[in-house]
Amino acid sequence: MNDHIPDVTKMINDGGPAYPTPAGVQHNDGMTIRDVFAAAALPVAWKAYESFAVIGDNANQELAKAAYQIADAMLKAKEAKP
């Protein structure tokens, strides 16, 4: 088995690079569209969690998870054709 090869059936759609480089330039570092969407969703996720008074060691992880769940929903909506 090739453990170093990712299973494409389990890969998350990250929307591609948020800040693409000019054509022909290889650049795979940096933020993805999913990362940008999650960052934009943080205030919304924070307000939701703040209203439920989530506290404890897992609060930050739960907040981050919520932001990425919102980002995933945004990517899915972005892919949908009207």
C-alpha atoms as a PDB file:
ATOM      1  CA  MET A   1       0.000   0.000   0.000  1.00  0.00           C
ATOM      2  CA  ASN A   2       1.191   3.536  -0.791  1.00  0.00           C
ATOM      3  CA  ASP A   3       0.630   5.518   2.390  1.00  0.00           C
ATOM      4  CA  HIS A   4       2.312   8.607   0.966  1.00  0.00           C
ATOM      5  CA  ILE A   5      -0.222   8.942  -1.875  1.00  0.00           C
ATOM      6  CA  PRO A   6      -3.404  10.706  -0.732  1.00  0.00           C
ATOM      7  CA  ASP A   7      -6.732   9.023  -1.364  1.00  0.00           C
ATOM      8  CA  VAL A   8      -8.452  11.432  -3.757  1.00  0.00           C
ATOM      9  CA  THR A   9     -11.864  10.118  -2.721  1.00  0.00           C
ATOM     10  CA  LYS A  10     -11.231  11.526   0.757  1.00  0.00           C
ATOM     11  CA  MET A  11      -9.661  14.822  -0.275  1.00  0.00           C
ATOM     12  CA  ILE A  12     -11.456  18.015   0.658  1.00  0.00           C
ATOM     13  CA  ASN A  13     -12.250  20.528  -2.055  1.00  0.00           C
ATOM     14  CA  ASP A  14     -10.105  23.484  -1.032  1.00  0.00           C
ATOM     15  CA  GLY A  15     -11.175  25.671  -3.957  1.00  0.00           C
ATOM     16  CA  GLY A  16      -7.611  25.994  -5.203  1.00  0.00           C
ATOM     17  CA  PRO A  17      -5.145  28.760  -4.432  1.00  0.00           C
ATOM     18  CA  ALA A  18      -6.667  31.955  -3.063  1.00  0.00           C
ATOM     19  CA  TYR A  19      -3.936  34.085  -4.558  1.00  0.00           C
ATOM     20  CA  PRO A  20      -2.856  32.405  -7.805  1.00  0.00           C
ATOM     21  CA  THR A  21       0.573  33.077  -9.263  1.00  0.00           C
ATOM     22  CA  PRO A  22       1.217  34.079 -12.880  1.00  0.00           C
ATOM     23  CA  ALA A  23       0.913  31.354 -15.512  1.00  0.00           C
ATOM     24  CA  GLY A  24       3.850  28.997 -15.613  1.00  0.00           C
ATOM     25  CA  VAL A  25       5.032  29.723 -12.071  1.00  0.00           C
ATOM     26  CA  GLN A  26       4.827  26.760  -9.696  1.00  0.00           C
ATOM     27  CA  HIS A  27       3.573  27.812  -6.297  1.00  0.00           C
ATOM     28  CA  ASN A  28       1.672  25.472  -3.999  1.00  0.00           C
ATOM     29  CA  ASP A  29       2.171  27.300  -0.722  1.00  0.00           C
ATOM     30  CA  GLY A  30      -0.176  29.741   0.869  1.00  0.00           C
ATOM     31  CA  MET A  31      -3.843  30.018   1.550  1.00  0.00           C
ATOM     32  CA  THR A  32      -6.545  28.209  -0.336  1.00  0.00           C
ATOM     33  CA  ILE A  33      -9.977  29.624  -1.074  1.00  0.00           C
ATOM     34  CA  ARG A  34     -11.257  27.323   1.692  1.00  0.00           C
ATOM     35  CA  ASP A  35      -8.819  28.952   4.151  1.00  0.00           C
ATOM     36  CA  VAL A  36      -9.965  32.449   3.129  1.00  0.00           C
ATOM     37  CA  PHE A  37     -13.632  31.452   3.471  1.00  0.00           C
ATOM     38  CA  ALA A  38     -12.952  29.941   6.915  1.00  0.00           C
ATOM     39  CA  ALA A  39     -11.174  33.106   8.038  1.00  0.00           C
ATOM     40  CA  ALA A  40     -14.106  35.183   6.819  1.00  0.00           C
ATOM     41  CA  ALA A  41     -16.517  32.864   8.663  1.00  0.00           C
ATOM     42  CA  LEU A  42     -14.709  33.145  12.017  1.00  0.00           C
ATOM     43  CA  PRO A  43     -16.666  36.168  13.288  1.00  0.00           C
ATOM     44  CA  VAL A  44     -19.954  34.420  12.488  1.00  0.00           C
ATOM     45  CA  ALA A  45     -18.792  31.189  14.113  1.00  0.00           C
ATOM     46  CA  TRP A  46     -17.542  33.123  17.137  1.00  0.00           C
ATOM     47  CA  LYS A  47     -20.900  34.876  17.597  1.00  0.00           C
ATOM     48  CA  ALA A  48     -22.708  31.523  17.423  1.00  0.00           C
ATOM     49  CA  TYR A  49     -20.362  29.926  19.956  1.00  0.00           C
ATOM     50  CA  GLU A  50     -20.357  33.010  22.166  1.00  0.00           C
ATOM     51  CA  SER A  51     -24.127  32.824  22.469  1.00  0.00           C
ATOM     52  CA  PHE A  52     -23.839  29.208  23.632  1.00  0.00           C
ATOM     53  CA  ALA A  53     -21.048  30.118  26.081  1.00  0.00           C
ATOM     54  CA  VAL A  54     -18.708  27.379  24.860  1.00  0.00           C
ATOM     55  CA  ILE A  55     -15.717  27.214  27.154  1.00  0.00           C
ATOM     56  CA  GLY A  56     -12.994  24.740  27.888  1.00  0.00           C
ATOM     57  CA  ASP A  57      -9.981  23.186  26.244  1.00  0.00           C
ATOM     58  CA  ASN A  58     -11.818  22.207  23.062  1.00  0.00           C
ATOM     59  CA  ALA A  59     -13.485  25.578  22.458  1.00  0.00           C
ATOM     60  CA  ASN A  60     -10.861  26.777  19.973  1.00  0.00           C
ATOM     61  CA  GLN A  61     -10.930  23.519  18.040  1.00  0.00           C
ATOM     62  CA  GLU A  62     -14.716  23.578  17.911  1.00  0.00           C
ATOM     63  CA  LEU A  63     -14.643  27.180  16.720  1.00  0.00           C
ATOM     64  CA  ALA A  64     -12.137  26.324  13.979  1.00  0.00           C
ATOM     65  CA  LYS A  65     -14.211  23.290  12.962  1.00  0.00           C
ATOM     66  CA  ALA A  66     -17.316  25.440  12.697  1.00  0.00           C
ATOM     67  CA  ALA A  67     -15.493  28.007  10.550  1.00  0.00           C
ATOM     68  CA  TYR A  68     -14.308  25.287   8.151  1.00  0.00           C
ATOM     69  CA  GLN A  69     -17.794  23.755   8.025  1.00  0.00           C
ATOM     70  CA  ILE A  70     -19.115  27.140   6.948  1.00  0.00           C
ATOM     71  CA  ALA A  71     -16.274  27.410   4.416  1.00  0.00           C
ATOM     72  CA  ASP A  72     -17.151  23.978   3.005  1.00  0.00           C
ATOM     73  CA  ALA A  73     -20.780  25.061   2.631  1.00  0.00           C
ATOM     74  CA  MET A  74     -19.632  28.232   0.869  1.00  0.00           C
ATOM     75  CA  LEU A  75     -17.491  26.209  -1.559  1.00  0.00           C
ATOM     76  CA  LYS A  76     -20.416  23.892  -2.262  1.00  0.00           C
ATOM     77  CA  ALA A  77     -22.695  26.874  -2.941  1.00  0.00           C
ATOM     78  CA  LYS A  78     -19.994  28.398  -5.152  1.00  0.00           C
ATOM     79  CA  GLU A  79     -19.895  25.213  -7.264  1.00  0.00           C
ATOM     80  CA  ALA A  80     -23.687  25.095  -7.704  1.00  0.00           C
ATOM     81  CA  LYS A  81     -24.906  26.521 -10.956  1.00  0.00           C
ATOM     82  CA  PRO A  82     -27.996  28.761 -10.762  1.00  0.00           C
END
